[in-house]
Amino acid sequence: MIEQIRHLQSVEPFETFSIELTTGRIVQIHDRHQVATAEGAHHGDAVIGVLHESGTFELINAGQIASVSVGLHPKFKQQLAARRAQIEKRFGGGSESK
């Protein structure tokens, strides 16, 4: 998984990618500088560091990574669609009657 993350960091032009953890949590990477990788001294000790938009930094053991995929994760897409539907319902859907 670490090699996949490194590859996605180097792709030109950069594309957002998703890291899904074994807990089901999704980490979206929107900038190549938002994530760093490091090999450990022993096999299986690799970690990734993620700098979040809030300014917090998190270390994740590579063994916690279930998958890596290009683009917004489907769970995020569903959440965004649900939020958009709520906003449209609340504010009239953005279309005005004539």
Protein backbone atom coordinates (compact mmCIF):
# COMPACT_ATOMS: atom_id res chain seq x y z
CA MET A 1 0.00 0.00 0.00
CA ILE A 2 2.87 2.38 0.74
CA GLU A 3 4.14 1.99 -2.84
CA GLN A 4 0.64 2.76 -4.18
CA ILE A 5 0.49 5.93 -2.10
CA ARG A 6 3.94 6.98 -3.29
CA HIS A 7 2.92 6.38 -6.89
CA LEU A 8 -0.28 8.43 -6.47
CA GLN A 9 1.76 11.26 -4.93
CA SER A 10 3.99 11.39 -8.00
CA VAL A 11 1.31 11.31 -10.72
CA GLU A 12 1.13 14.41 -12.93
CA PRO A 13 -1.29 16.02 -12.85
CA PHE A 14 -2.07 15.13 -9.25
CA GLU A 15 -5.44 13.51 -8.62
CA THR A 16 -7.28 13.30 -5.30
CA PHE A 17 -7.08 9.83 -3.80
CA SER A 18 -8.67 7.96 -0.92
CA ILE A 19 -7.16 5.81 1.79
CA GLU A 20 -9.61 3.42 3.45
CA LEU A 21 -8.58 2.09 6.84
CA THR A 22 -9.46 -1.32 8.26
CA THR A 23 -11.82 0.47 10.68
CA GLY A 24 -13.86 1.70 7.70
CA ARG A 25 -12.66 5.28 8.12
CA ILE A 26 -11.81 7.13 4.91
CA VAL A 27 -8.98 9.64 4.58
CA GLN A 28 -9.18 11.85 1.48
CA ILE A 29 -5.88 13.19 0.11
CA HIS A 30 -6.39 16.36 -1.94
CA ASP A 31 -2.75 17.47 -2.24
CA ARG A 32 0.43 15.43 -2.69
CA HIS A 33 2.03 17.34 0.21
CA GLN A 34 -0.76 16.31 2.57
CA VAL A 35 0.70 12.82 3.01
CA ALA A 36 4.17 11.42 3.71
CA THR A 37 5.41 7.85 3.89
CA ALA A 38 8.19 6.23 5.91
CA GLU A 39 9.57 2.71 6.06
CA GLY A 40 10.12 1.18 9.46
CA ALA A 41 13.20 -0.63 10.69
CA HIS A 42 11.38 -3.97 10.45
CA HIS A 43 9.07 -5.42 7.83
CA GLY A 44 5.54 -4.16 8.43
CA ASP A 45 6.63 -1.07 10.39
CA ALA A 46 5.85 1.41 7.59
CA VAL A 47 3.72 4.44 8.47
CA ILE A 48 2.04 7.27 6.65
CA GLY A 49 1.67 10.76 8.01
CA VAL A 50 -1.37 12.80 7.06
CA LEU A 51 -1.63 16.56 7.48
CA HIS A 52 -5.31 17.44 7.83
CA GLU A 53 -6.91 20.72 6.70
CA SER A 54 -7.42 21.62 10.37
CA GLY A 55 -3.63 21.66 10.81
CA THR A 56 -3.53 18.43 12.82
CA PHE A 57 -1.08 15.68 11.91
CA GLU A 58 -1.81 11.97 12.17
CA LEU A 59 0.41 8.90 11.89
CA ILE A 60 -1.21 5.76 10.52
CA ASN A 61 0.42 2.33 10.60
CA ALA A 62 0.50 0.88 7.08
CA GLY A 63 -1.10 -2.29 8.44
CA GLN A 64 -4.27 -0.28 9.09
CA ILE A 65 -4.70 0.54 5.39
CA ALA A 66 -7.37 -1.62 3.73
CA SER A 67 -7.32 0.03 0.30
CA VAL A 68 -6.15 3.00 -1.74
CA SER A 69 -8.19 4.37 -4.65
CA VAL A 70 -8.10 7.29 -7.06
CA GLY A 71 -10.75 10.00 -6.73
CA LEU A 72 -13.33 10.72 -4.08
CA HIS A 73 -14.30 7.59 -2.20
CA PRO A 74 -17.88 6.42 -2.95
CA LYS A 75 -18.84 6.96 0.73
CA PHE A 76 -17.77 10.62 0.43
CA LYS A 77 -19.72 10.99 -2.80
CA GLN A 78 -22.84 9.68 -1.04
CA GLN A 79 -22.32 12.07 1.89
CA LEU A 80 -21.88 15.02 -0.47
CA ALA A 81 -25.01 14.08 -2.42
CA ALA A 82 -27.02 13.81 0.81
CA ARG A 83 -25.78 17.22 1.99
CA ARG A 84 -26.60 18.78 -1.36
CA ALA A 85 -30.11 17.32 -1.25
CA GLN A 86 -30.62 18.74 2.26
CA ILE A 87 -29.43 22.18 1.18
CA GLU A 88 -31.57 22.15 -1.95
CA LYS A 89 -34.60 21.10 0.08
CA ARG A 90 -33.96 23.81 2.66
CA PHE A 91 -33.35 26.59 0.15
CA GLY A 92 -35.76 25.56 -2.58
CA GLY A 93 -33.39 23.65 -4.80
CA GLY A 94 -31.74 26.69 -6.31
CA SER A 95 -34.40 27.06 -9.02
CA GLU A 96 -36.75 30.01 -8.97
CA SER A 97 -40.35 29.96 -10.19
CA LYS A 98 -41.19 32.29 -13.05
